[in-house]
Amino acid sequence: MDYIWRNIKQHAGEKFHTKTGVEFSYHIRNDYIVLENTNRSIPRKQVEEALLINSDKVSDYNKFQGYAYLFGLIHDARIIGK
């Protein structure tokens, strides 16, 4: 998980997309991903929990804050290192 969080921090400010193509960016404040196009923040703990799901269905992540954005992040090659 540490390398995922390191990648998330390294790519802050870049453009990402949700599965439906909505563009977004974020910055990091403490252990939170602060989305810049909405008033949502995603705690690092939820990133860790979401990584355990390992699904290609956005709806499987709907228990998390900003789940469509979280899905976009953890399925992006820049973050997961693919």
C-alpha atoms as a PDB file:
ATOM      1  CA  MET A   1       0.000   0.000   0.000  1.00  0.00           C
ATOM      2  CA  ASP A   2       2.849   2.404   0.681  1.00  0.00           C
ATOM      3  CA  TYR A   3       3.892   2.464  -2.980  1.00  0.00           C
ATOM      4  CA  ILE A   4       0.275   3.143  -4.011  1.00  0.00           C
ATOM      5  CA  TRP A   5       0.042   6.079  -1.617  1.00  0.00           C
ATOM      6  CA  ARG A   6       3.443   7.319  -2.814  1.00  0.00           C
ATOM      7  CA  ASN A   7       2.172   7.195  -6.411  1.00  0.00           C
ATOM      8  CA  ILE A   8      -1.021   9.008  -5.425  1.00  0.00           C
ATOM      9  CA  LYS A   9       1.055  11.768  -3.833  1.00  0.00           C
ATOM     10  CA  GLN A  10       3.460  11.913  -6.782  1.00  0.00           C
ATOM     11  CA  HIS A  11       0.652  12.388  -9.326  1.00  0.00           C
ATOM     12  CA  ALA A  12      -1.369  14.965  -7.369  1.00  0.00           C
ATOM     13  CA  GLY A  13      -2.476  17.808  -9.613  1.00  0.00           C
ATOM     14  CA  GLU A  14      -2.574  15.677 -12.760  1.00  0.00           C
ATOM     15  CA  LYS A  15      -5.745  14.954 -14.711  1.00  0.00           C
ATOM     16  CA  PHE A  16      -7.509  11.657 -14.107  1.00  0.00           C
ATOM     17  CA  HIS A  17     -10.834  10.281 -15.335  1.00  0.00           C
ATOM     18  CA  THR A  18     -13.666   8.343 -13.812  1.00  0.00           C
ATOM     19  CA  LYS A  19     -14.840   5.241 -15.658  1.00  0.00           C
ATOM     20  CA  THR A  20     -17.514   7.371 -17.349  1.00  0.00           C
ATOM     21  CA  GLY A  21     -14.925   9.916 -18.512  1.00  0.00           C
ATOM     22  CA  VAL A  22     -15.408  12.710 -15.967  1.00  0.00           C
ATOM     23  CA  GLU A  23     -12.091  14.540 -15.638  1.00  0.00           C
ATOM     24  CA  PHE A  24     -10.802  15.332 -12.158  1.00  0.00           C
ATOM     25  CA  SER A  25      -7.694  16.249 -10.242  1.00  0.00           C
ATOM     26  CA  TYR A  26      -6.786  16.311  -6.579  1.00  0.00           C
ATOM     27  CA  HIS A  27      -4.250  17.399  -4.033  1.00  0.00           C
ATOM     28  CA  ILE A  28      -3.110  15.753  -0.816  1.00  0.00           C
ATOM     29  CA  ARG A  29      -3.757  17.221   2.608  1.00  0.00           C
ATOM     30  CA  ASN A  30      -2.401  15.119   5.456  1.00  0.00           C
ATOM     31  CA  ASP A  31      -3.701  11.598   4.752  1.00  0.00           C
ATOM     32  CA  TYR A  32      -6.580  12.705   2.520  1.00  0.00           C
ATOM     33  CA  ILE A  33      -7.077  12.935  -1.222  1.00  0.00           C
ATOM     34  CA  VAL A  34      -8.894  16.249  -1.647  1.00  0.00           C
ATOM     35  CA  LEU A  35     -10.815  16.275  -4.920  1.00  0.00           C
ATOM     36  CA  GLU A  36     -10.636  19.626  -6.694  1.00  0.00           C
ATOM     37  CA  ASN A  37     -13.891  19.450  -8.662  1.00  0.00           C
ATOM     38  CA  THR A  38     -16.127  18.385  -5.777  1.00  0.00           C
ATOM     39  CA  ASN A  39     -16.292  18.849  -2.017  1.00  0.00           C
ATOM     40  CA  ARG A  40     -15.273  15.239  -1.348  1.00  0.00           C
ATOM     41  CA  SER A  41     -12.142  14.051   0.417  1.00  0.00           C
ATOM     42  CA  ILE A  42     -11.007  10.451   0.433  1.00  0.00           C
ATOM     43  CA  PRO A  43      -9.074   9.254   3.491  1.00  0.00           C
ATOM     44  CA  ARG A  44      -6.021   7.068   2.954  1.00  0.00           C
ATOM     45  CA  LYS A  45      -7.705   4.344   5.013  1.00  0.00           C
ATOM     46  CA  GLN A  46     -10.472   4.087   2.407  1.00  0.00           C
ATOM     47  CA  VAL A  47      -7.891   3.758  -0.372  1.00  0.00           C
ATOM     48  CA  GLU A  48      -6.391   0.825   1.523  1.00  0.00           C
ATOM     49  CA  GLU A  49      -9.822  -0.786   1.939  1.00  0.00           C
ATOM     50  CA  ALA A  50     -10.760  -0.194  -1.703  1.00  0.00           C
ATOM     51  CA  LEU A  51      -7.604  -1.904  -2.925  1.00  0.00           C
ATOM     52  CA  LEU A  52      -8.795  -5.114  -1.282  1.00  0.00           C
ATOM     53  CA  ILE A  53     -11.953  -5.195  -3.427  1.00  0.00           C
ATOM     54  CA  ASN A  54     -10.144  -5.667  -6.757  1.00  0.00           C
ATOM     55  CA  SER A  55     -13.214  -5.288  -8.994  1.00  0.00           C
ATOM     56  CA  ASP A  56     -13.841  -3.621 -12.368  1.00  0.00           C
ATOM     57  CA  LYS A  57     -17.352  -2.563 -11.308  1.00  0.00           C
ATOM     58  CA  VAL A  58     -17.620   0.988  -9.954  1.00  0.00           C
ATOM     59  CA  SER A  59     -20.718   0.060  -7.958  1.00  0.00           C
ATOM     60  CA  ASP A  60     -18.638  -2.343  -5.851  1.00  0.00           C
ATOM     61  CA  TYR A  61     -16.936   0.713  -4.337  1.00  0.00           C
ATOM     62  CA  ASN A  62     -20.055   2.725  -3.475  1.00  0.00           C
ATOM     63  CA  LYS A  63     -19.515   2.504   0.283  1.00  0.00           C
ATOM     64  CA  PHE A  64     -16.547   4.900  -0.021  1.00  0.00           C
ATOM     65  CA  GLN A  65     -16.417   8.698  -0.215  1.00  0.00           C
ATOM     66  CA  GLY A  66     -16.164   9.830  -3.832  1.00  0.00           C
ATOM     67  CA  TYR A  67     -16.209   6.227  -4.991  1.00  0.00           C
ATOM     68  CA  ALA A  68     -16.276   7.000  -8.736  1.00  0.00           C
ATOM     69  CA  TYR A  69     -13.127   9.111  -8.319  1.00  0.00           C
ATOM     70  CA  LEU A  70     -11.505   6.557  -6.056  1.00  0.00           C
ATOM     71  CA  PHE A  71     -12.211   3.870  -8.648  1.00  0.00           C
ATOM     72  CA  GLY A  72     -10.621   6.043 -11.333  1.00  0.00           C
ATOM     73  CA  LEU A  73      -7.492   6.488  -9.239  1.00  0.00           C
ATOM     74  CA  ILE A  74      -6.911   2.913  -8.186  1.00  0.00           C
ATOM     75  CA  HIS A  75      -7.488   1.641 -11.711  1.00  0.00           C
ATOM     76  CA  ASP A  76      -5.072   4.110 -13.327  1.00  0.00           C
ATOM     77  CA  ALA A  77      -1.690   2.760 -14.487  1.00  0.00           C
ATOM     78  CA  ARG A  78       0.126   5.748 -12.936  1.00  0.00           C
ATOM     79  CA  ILE A  79      -1.157   4.754  -9.504  1.00  0.00           C
ATOM     80  CA  ILE A  80      -1.094   0.968  -9.611  1.00  0.00           C
ATOM     81  CA  GLY A  81       2.186   0.828 -11.488  1.00  0.00           C
ATOM     82  CA  LYS A  82       1.083  -1.145 -14.543  1.00  0.00           C
END
